[in-house]
Amino acid sequence: MRNRRRVVALSCLAALGSILGLAFDSALAGETVPFSQAAFEAAQTSGKPILIEVSAPWCPICKTQKPILAKLAAEPRFKNLQIFDIDFDTQKPLLKRLNVRMQSTLIAYKGATEVGRSVGETQPEWIEGLVEKTL
């Protein structure tokens, strides 16, 4: 009887873990999240389309890019797109590692491979073209 309860309890926990994992993945897909090395590497390993957005709160170009990226991320074809935000003012070592010299830089990855990069772009069709390279 005790074993049956354990099996049922473990099954319930496993099911709950699966549901929460799916909810977490879908919550992150298409949304901008702060950059973390672990999450970035996990997205690369899983082959997800990835966009790194380097921005600063005082940057007018960055403010123009954000609604364009949000609109693209809401499109069904970009449903798996993972967008990571890097703060230009506070994450300097990361910028150096990624060879980023300016805010408003967008870096596109298809899994672990960088497939494109732009700096200061505000034309929706050009940004869309960059994001399409991640697919």
N, C-alpha and C. Protein backbone atom coordinates (compact mmCIF):
# COMPACT_ATOMS: atom_id res chain seq x y z
N MET A 1 0.82 -1.20 0.00
CA MET A 1 0.00 0.00 0.00
C MET A 1 0.86 1.26 0.00
N ARG A 2 1.95 1.24 0.81
CA ARG A 2 2.83 2.40 0.85
C ARG A 2 3.52 2.61 -0.50
N ASN A 3 3.92 1.52 -1.13
CA ASN A 3 4.58 1.64 -2.43
C ASN A 3 3.65 2.23 -3.47
N ARG A 4 2.39 1.84 -3.42
CA ARG A 4 1.42 2.37 -4.37
C ARG A 4 1.27 3.88 -4.19
N ARG A 5 1.23 4.33 -2.94
CA ARG A 5 1.14 5.77 -2.66
C ARG A 5 2.37 6.50 -3.18
N ARG A 6 3.53 5.90 -2.97
CA ARG A 6 4.76 6.52 -3.48
C ARG A 6 4.74 6.63 -5.00
N VAL A 7 4.33 5.56 -5.65
CA VAL A 7 4.27 5.56 -7.11
C VAL A 7 3.30 6.63 -7.59
N VAL A 8 2.14 6.71 -6.97
CA VAL A 8 1.15 7.72 -7.35
C VAL A 8 1.70 9.13 -7.09
N ALA A 9 2.32 9.32 -5.93
CA ALA A 9 2.88 10.64 -5.59
C ALA A 9 3.98 11.03 -6.57
N LEU A 10 4.87 10.10 -6.88
CA LEU A 10 5.95 10.39 -7.83
C LEU A 10 5.41 10.65 -9.23
N SER A 11 4.39 9.92 -9.62
CA SER A 11 3.77 10.15 -10.93
C SER A 11 3.16 11.54 -11.00
N CYS A 12 2.50 11.94 -9.92
CA CYS A 12 1.90 13.28 -9.89
C CYS A 12 2.97 14.35 -9.95
N LEU A 13 4.06 14.16 -9.22
CA LEU A 13 5.16 15.13 -9.25
C LEU A 13 5.79 15.21 -10.64
N ALA A 14 5.97 14.07 -11.28
CA ALA A 14 6.55 14.06 -12.62
C ALA A 14 5.63 14.78 -13.60
N ALA A 15 4.33 14.53 -13.50
CA ALA A 15 3.38 15.20 -14.39
C ALA A 15 3.38 16.70 -14.15
N LEU A 16 3.40 17.10 -12.88
CA LEU A 16 3.43 18.52 -12.55
C LEU A 16 4.71 19.17 -13.07
N GLY A 17 5.84 18.48 -12.92
CA GLY A 17 7.11 19.00 -13.44
C GLY A 17 7.07 19.19 -14.94
N SER A 18 6.47 18.25 -15.66
CA SER A 18 6.36 18.37 -17.11
C SER A 18 5.49 19.56 -17.50
N ILE A 19 4.38 19.71 -16.81
CA ILE A 19 3.48 20.82 -17.11
C ILE A 19 4.16 22.15 -16.83
N LEU A 20 4.83 22.26 -15.68
CA LEU A 20 5.52 23.50 -15.35
C LEU A 20 6.66 23.77 -16.32
N GLY A 21 7.37 22.74 -16.73
CA GLY A 21 8.46 22.91 -17.69
C GLY A 21 7.94 23.43 -19.02
N LEU A 22 6.83 22.88 -19.50
CA LEU A 22 6.24 23.36 -20.75
C LEU A 22 5.76 24.79 -20.60
N ALA A 23 5.15 25.11 -19.48
CA ALA A 23 4.67 26.47 -19.25
C ALA A 23 5.83 27.44 -19.21
N PHE A 24 6.93 27.05 -18.57
CA PHE A 24 8.10 27.92 -18.48
C PHE A 24 8.70 28.14 -19.86
N ASP A 25 8.84 27.06 -20.66
CA ASP A 25 9.38 27.20 -22.01
C ASP A 25 8.52 28.10 -22.86
N SER A 26 7.21 27.91 -22.81
CA SER A 26 6.34 28.73 -23.66
C SER A 26 6.28 30.16 -23.16
N ALA A 27 6.48 30.38 -21.86
CA ALA A 27 6.49 31.75 -21.34
C ALA A 27 7.72 32.49 -21.83
N LEU A 28 8.83 31.78 -21.99
CA LEU A 28 10.05 32.43 -22.43
C LEU A 28 10.10 32.62 -23.94
N ALA A 29 9.49 31.73 -24.68
CA ALA A 29 9.55 31.82 -26.13
C ALA A 29 8.90 33.10 -26.60
N GLY A 30 9.64 33.86 -27.38
CA GLY A 30 9.11 35.09 -27.94
C GLY A 30 9.17 36.28 -27.00
N GLU A 31 9.50 36.06 -25.76
CA GLU A 31 9.59 37.16 -24.81
C GLU A 31 11.05 37.51 -24.57
N THR A 32 11.29 38.77 -24.26
CA THR A 32 12.64 39.21 -23.94
C THR A 32 12.92 38.92 -22.48
N VAL A 33 14.03 38.24 -22.23
CA VAL A 33 14.45 37.93 -20.87
C VAL A 33 15.88 38.42 -20.67
N PRO A 34 16.25 38.75 -19.45
CA PRO A 34 17.64 39.15 -19.20
C PRO A 34 18.60 38.01 -19.57
N PHE A 35 19.74 38.37 -20.13
CA PHE A 35 20.72 37.38 -20.54
C PHE A 35 21.27 36.64 -19.34
N SER A 36 21.31 35.33 -19.45
CA SER A 36 22.05 34.50 -18.50
C SER A 36 22.80 33.47 -19.33
N GLN A 37 24.04 33.22 -18.97
CA GLN A 37 24.88 32.31 -19.74
C GLN A 37 24.26 30.92 -19.80
N ALA A 38 23.71 30.45 -18.69
CA ALA A 38 23.11 29.12 -18.65
C ALA A 38 21.91 29.02 -19.59
N ALA A 39 21.03 30.01 -19.56
CA ALA A 39 19.85 29.98 -20.43
C ALA A 39 20.25 30.11 -21.89
N PHE A 40 21.26 30.94 -22.17
CA PHE A 40 21.74 31.12 -23.54
C PHE A 40 22.31 29.81 -24.07
N GLU A 41 23.14 29.14 -23.28
CA GLU A 41 23.73 27.87 -23.71
C GLU A 41 22.66 26.79 -23.88
N ALA A 42 21.66 26.79 -23.01
CA ALA A 42 20.57 25.82 -23.14
C ALA A 42 19.79 26.05 -24.43
N ALA A 43 19.53 27.31 -24.76
CA ALA A 43 18.82 27.63 -26.00
C ALA A 43 19.66 27.24 -27.21
N GLN A 44 20.97 27.48 -27.15
CA GLN A 44 21.86 27.09 -28.24
C GLN A 44 21.87 25.58 -28.42
N THR A 45 22.00 24.85 -27.33
CA THR A 45 22.05 23.39 -27.38
C THR A 45 20.77 22.81 -27.95
N SER A 46 19.64 23.42 -27.62
CA SER A 46 18.35 22.91 -28.12
C SER A 46 18.08 23.35 -29.56
N GLY A 47 18.96 24.18 -30.13
CA GLY A 47 18.80 24.60 -31.52
C GLY A 47 17.77 25.69 -31.73
N LYS A 48 17.40 26.38 -30.66
CA LYS A 48 16.38 27.43 -30.78
C LYS A 48 16.89 28.61 -31.60
N PRO A 49 15.97 29.33 -32.24
CA PRO A 49 16.35 30.62 -32.82
C PRO A 49 16.56 31.61 -31.68
N ILE A 50 17.67 32.35 -31.74
CA ILE A 50 18.04 33.24 -30.64
C ILE A 50 18.36 34.62 -31.18
N LEU A 51 17.93 35.63 -30.46
CA LEU A 51 18.31 37.01 -30.76
C LEU A 51 18.81 37.64 -29.47
N ILE A 52 20.00 38.22 -29.54
CA ILE A 52 20.53 38.98 -28.41
C ILE A 52 20.31 40.45 -28.73
N GLU A 53 19.69 41.14 -27.80
CA GLU A 53 19.40 42.56 -27.94
C GLU A 53 20.23 43.32 -26.91
N VAL A 54 21.17 44.14 -27.39
CA VAL A 54 21.99 44.95 -26.49
C VAL A 54 21.37 46.34 -26.46
N SER A 55 20.92 46.74 -25.28
CA SER A 55 20.20 48.01 -25.19
C SER A 55 20.62 48.79 -23.96
N ALA A 56 20.21 50.05 -23.96
CA ALA A 56 20.43 50.94 -22.82
C ALA A 56 19.14 51.74 -22.62
N PRO A 57 18.76 52.01 -21.38
CA PRO A 57 17.50 52.72 -21.14
C PRO A 57 17.47 54.13 -21.71
N TRP A 58 18.62 54.74 -21.92
CA TRP A 58 18.70 56.11 -22.42
C TRP A 58 18.81 56.16 -23.95
N CYS A 59 18.86 55.02 -24.60
CA CYS A 59 19.12 54.94 -26.05
C CYS A 59 17.83 55.07 -26.87
N PRO A 60 17.69 56.14 -27.68
CA PRO A 60 16.47 56.30 -28.48
C PRO A 60 16.33 55.23 -29.57
N ILE A 61 17.43 54.76 -30.12
CA ILE A 61 17.36 53.71 -31.15
C ILE A 61 16.85 52.41 -30.52
N CYS A 62 17.34 52.11 -29.32
CA CYS A 62 16.89 50.91 -28.61
C CYS A 62 15.38 50.97 -28.35
N LYS A 63 14.91 52.16 -27.97
CA LYS A 63 13.48 52.34 -27.71
C LYS A 63 12.66 52.15 -28.99
N THR A 64 13.23 52.46 -30.13
CA THR A 64 12.56 52.25 -31.41
C THR A 64 12.56 50.77 -31.78
N GLN A 65 13.64 50.06 -31.46
CA GLN A 65 13.75 48.64 -31.80
C GLN A 65 12.80 47.76 -30.98
N LYS A 66 12.58 48.11 -29.73
CA LYS A 66 11.81 47.24 -28.83
C LYS A 66 10.40 46.90 -29.34
N PRO A 67 9.59 47.86 -29.78
CA PRO A 67 8.26 47.48 -30.27
C PRO A 67 8.32 46.68 -31.58
N ILE A 68 9.33 46.92 -32.39
CA ILE A 68 9.49 46.14 -33.62
C ILE A 68 9.77 44.68 -33.26
N LEU A 69 10.68 44.47 -32.32
CA LEU A 69 11.01 43.11 -31.89
C LEU A 69 9.82 42.44 -31.22
N ALA A 70 9.06 43.19 -30.42
CA ALA A 70 7.88 42.63 -29.75
C ALA A 70 6.84 42.18 -30.78
N LYS A 71 6.65 42.99 -31.82
CA LYS A 71 5.69 42.63 -32.87
C LYS A 71 6.14 41.38 -33.61
N LEU A 72 7.42 41.31 -33.94
CA LEU A 72 7.93 40.12 -34.63
C LEU A 72 7.81 38.88 -33.75
N ALA A 73 8.15 39.02 -32.47
CA ALA A 73 8.10 37.88 -31.55
C ALA A 73 6.68 37.34 -31.40
N ALA A 74 5.68 38.18 -31.61
CA ALA A 74 4.29 37.76 -31.48
C ALA A 74 3.79 37.00 -32.71
N GLU A 75 4.55 37.04 -33.80
CA GLU A 75 4.15 36.33 -35.02
C GLU A 75 4.34 34.83 -34.83
N PRO A 76 3.40 34.02 -35.34
CA PRO A 76 3.49 32.56 -35.17
C PRO A 76 4.81 31.95 -35.69
N ARG A 77 5.35 32.48 -36.76
CA ARG A 77 6.58 31.88 -37.31
C ARG A 77 7.79 32.08 -36.40
N PHE A 78 7.70 33.06 -35.49
CA PHE A 78 8.78 33.30 -34.55
C PHE A 78 8.42 32.83 -33.14
N LYS A 79 7.47 31.91 -33.04
CA LYS A 79 6.97 31.48 -31.73
C LYS A 79 8.06 30.86 -30.85
N ASN A 80 9.10 30.29 -31.44
CA ASN A 80 10.18 29.68 -30.65
C ASN A 80 11.37 30.60 -30.44
N LEU A 81 11.29 31.82 -30.96
CA LEU A 81 12.39 32.76 -30.85
C LEU A 81 12.66 33.10 -29.38
N GLN A 82 13.91 32.99 -29.00
CA GLN A 82 14.32 33.35 -27.64
C GLN A 82 15.11 34.66 -27.73
N ILE A 83 14.61 35.70 -27.08
CA ILE A 83 15.28 37.00 -27.10
C ILE A 83 15.92 37.25 -25.74
N PHE A 84 17.22 37.49 -25.77
CA PHE A 84 17.97 37.80 -24.55
C PHE A 84 18.37 39.27 -24.58
N ASP A 85 18.15 39.96 -23.47
CA ASP A 85 18.51 41.37 -23.36
C ASP A 85 19.80 41.52 -22.56
N ILE A 86 20.72 42.31 -23.09
CA ILE A 86 21.95 42.64 -22.39
C ILE A 86 21.96 44.14 -22.17
N ASP A 87 22.19 44.56 -20.93
CA ASP A 87 22.24 45.98 -20.61
C ASP A 87 23.62 46.53 -20.95
N PHE A 88 23.65 47.49 -21.85
CA PHE A 88 24.91 48.05 -22.33
C PHE A 88 25.72 48.70 -21.22
N ASP A 89 25.05 49.30 -20.25
CA ASP A 89 25.73 50.05 -19.20
C ASP A 89 26.29 49.17 -18.08
N THR A 90 25.68 48.03 -17.83
CA THR A 90 26.06 47.25 -16.65
C THR A 90 26.72 45.91 -16.94
N GLN A 91 26.73 45.47 -18.19
CA GLN A 91 27.26 44.13 -18.49
C GLN A 91 28.46 44.20 -19.44
N LYS A 92 29.41 45.06 -19.11
CA LYS A 92 30.58 45.30 -19.97
C LYS A 92 31.41 44.05 -20.27
N PRO A 93 31.70 43.17 -19.29
CA PRO A 93 32.49 41.98 -19.62
C PRO A 93 31.82 41.10 -20.68
N LEU A 94 30.50 41.00 -20.61
CA LEU A 94 29.75 40.22 -21.59
C LEU A 94 29.82 40.87 -22.96
N LEU A 95 29.74 42.20 -23.00
CA LEU A 95 29.85 42.92 -24.27
C LEU A 95 31.20 42.65 -24.92
N LYS A 96 32.24 42.65 -24.11
CA LYS A 96 33.58 42.40 -24.64
C LYS A 96 33.67 40.99 -25.21
N ARG A 97 33.12 40.02 -24.49
CA ARG A 97 33.16 38.63 -24.95
C ARG A 97 32.41 38.45 -26.27
N LEU A 98 31.32 39.20 -26.45
CA LEU A 98 30.52 39.10 -27.68
C LEU A 98 30.98 40.08 -28.76
N ASN A 99 32.04 40.84 -28.47
CA ASN A 99 32.57 41.83 -29.41
C ASN A 99 31.52 42.88 -29.79
N VAL A 100 30.83 43.40 -28.77
CA VAL A 100 29.82 44.44 -28.97
C VAL A 100 30.40 45.76 -28.51
N ARG A 101 30.32 46.77 -29.38
CA ARG A 101 30.90 48.07 -29.06
C ARG A 101 29.85 49.16 -28.85
N MET A 102 28.61 48.88 -29.26
CA MET A 102 27.57 49.91 -29.16
C MET A 102 26.25 49.31 -28.69
N GLN A 103 25.47 50.15 -28.01
CA GLN A 103 24.10 49.77 -27.71
C GLN A 103 23.35 49.69 -29.03
N SER A 104 22.14 49.19 -29.01
CA SER A 104 21.29 48.98 -30.19
C SER A 104 21.88 47.93 -31.14
N THR A 105 22.69 47.01 -30.58
CA THR A 105 23.23 45.91 -31.37
C THR A 105 22.29 44.71 -31.24
N LEU A 106 22.00 44.09 -32.36
CA LEU A 106 21.20 42.87 -32.40
C LEU A 106 22.08 41.76 -32.97
N ILE A 107 22.13 40.62 -32.29
CA ILE A 107 22.93 39.49 -32.75
C ILE A 107 22.00 38.29 -32.90
N ALA A 108 21.97 37.71 -34.10
CA ALA A 108 21.09 36.59 -34.41
C ALA A 108 21.87 35.29 -34.41
N TYR A 109 21.29 34.27 -33.79
CA TYR A 109 21.89 32.94 -33.74
C TYR A 109 20.87 31.91 -34.22
N LYS A 110 21.36 30.95 -34.97
CA LYS A 110 20.58 29.76 -35.31
C LYS A 110 21.24 28.64 -34.52
N GLY A 111 20.67 28.33 -33.37
CA GLY A 111 21.34 27.40 -32.46
C GLY A 111 22.61 28.04 -31.94
N ALA A 112 23.73 27.35 -32.12
CA ALA A 112 25.01 27.85 -31.61
C ALA A 112 25.77 28.72 -32.61
N THR A 113 25.22 28.89 -33.81
CA THR A 113 25.92 29.61 -34.87
C THR A 113 25.39 31.03 -35.02
N GLU A 114 26.30 32.01 -34.94
CA GLU A 114 25.89 33.39 -35.22
C GLU A 114 25.63 33.52 -36.72
N VAL A 115 24.44 34.02 -37.07
CA VAL A 115 24.06 34.12 -38.48
C VAL A 115 23.89 35.56 -38.95
N GLY A 116 23.99 36.52 -38.04
CA GLY A 116 23.86 37.91 -38.45
C GLY A 116 23.95 38.84 -37.26
N ARG A 117 24.20 40.11 -37.60
CA ARG A 117 24.36 41.13 -36.57
C ARG A 117 24.05 42.47 -37.21
N SER A 118 23.45 43.36 -36.42
CA SER A 118 23.22 44.72 -36.90
C SER A 118 23.41 45.70 -35.75
N VAL A 119 23.75 46.92 -36.10
CA VAL A 119 23.95 47.96 -35.10
C VAL A 119 23.15 49.19 -35.53
N GLY A 120 22.27 49.65 -34.67
CA GLY A 120 21.53 50.89 -34.92
C GLY A 120 20.42 50.78 -35.94
N GLU A 121 20.00 49.58 -36.27
CA GLU A 121 18.96 49.40 -37.29
C GLU A 121 17.58 49.67 -36.71
N THR A 122 16.78 50.48 -37.43
CA THR A 122 15.42 50.78 -36.99
C THR A 122 14.37 50.49 -38.06
N GLN A 123 14.78 50.04 -39.22
CA GLN A 123 13.82 49.71 -40.28
C GLN A 123 13.22 48.33 -39.98
N PRO A 124 11.90 48.26 -39.80
CA PRO A 124 11.27 46.98 -39.45
C PRO A 124 11.61 45.85 -40.41
N GLU A 125 11.64 46.13 -41.71
CA GLU A 125 11.91 45.06 -42.67
C GLU A 125 13.35 44.54 -42.57
N TRP A 126 14.29 45.39 -42.22
CA TRP A 126 15.68 44.95 -42.05
C TRP A 126 15.83 44.12 -40.78
N ILE A 127 15.16 44.56 -39.72
CA ILE A 127 15.20 43.79 -38.47
C ILE A 127 14.52 42.44 -38.67
N GLU A 128 13.41 42.44 -39.39
CA GLU A 128 12.71 41.19 -39.69
C GLU A 128 13.62 40.25 -40.48
N GLY A 129 14.35 40.78 -41.45
CA GLY A 129 15.28 39.97 -42.22
C GLY A 129 16.35 39.33 -41.34
N LEU A 130 16.84 40.09 -40.37
CA LEU A 130 17.83 39.56 -39.45
C LEU A 130 17.23 38.43 -38.61
N VAL A 131 16.03 38.66 -38.09
CA VAL A 131 15.38 37.65 -37.25
C VAL A 131 15.05 36.40 -38.06
N GLU A 132 14.69 36.56 -39.33
CA GLU A 132 14.39 35.41 -40.18
C GLU A 132 15.60 34.49 -40.34
N LYS A 133 16.80 35.05 -40.26
CA LYS A 133 18.01 34.23 -40.38
C LYS A 133 18.14 33.23 -39.24
N THR A 134 17.44 33.47 -38.13
CA THR A 134 17.53 32.56 -36.99
C THR A 134 16.73 31.28 -37.20
N LEU A 135 15.82 31.30 -38.17
CA LEU A 135 14.94 30.14 -38.39
C LEU A 135 15.61 29.03 -39.18
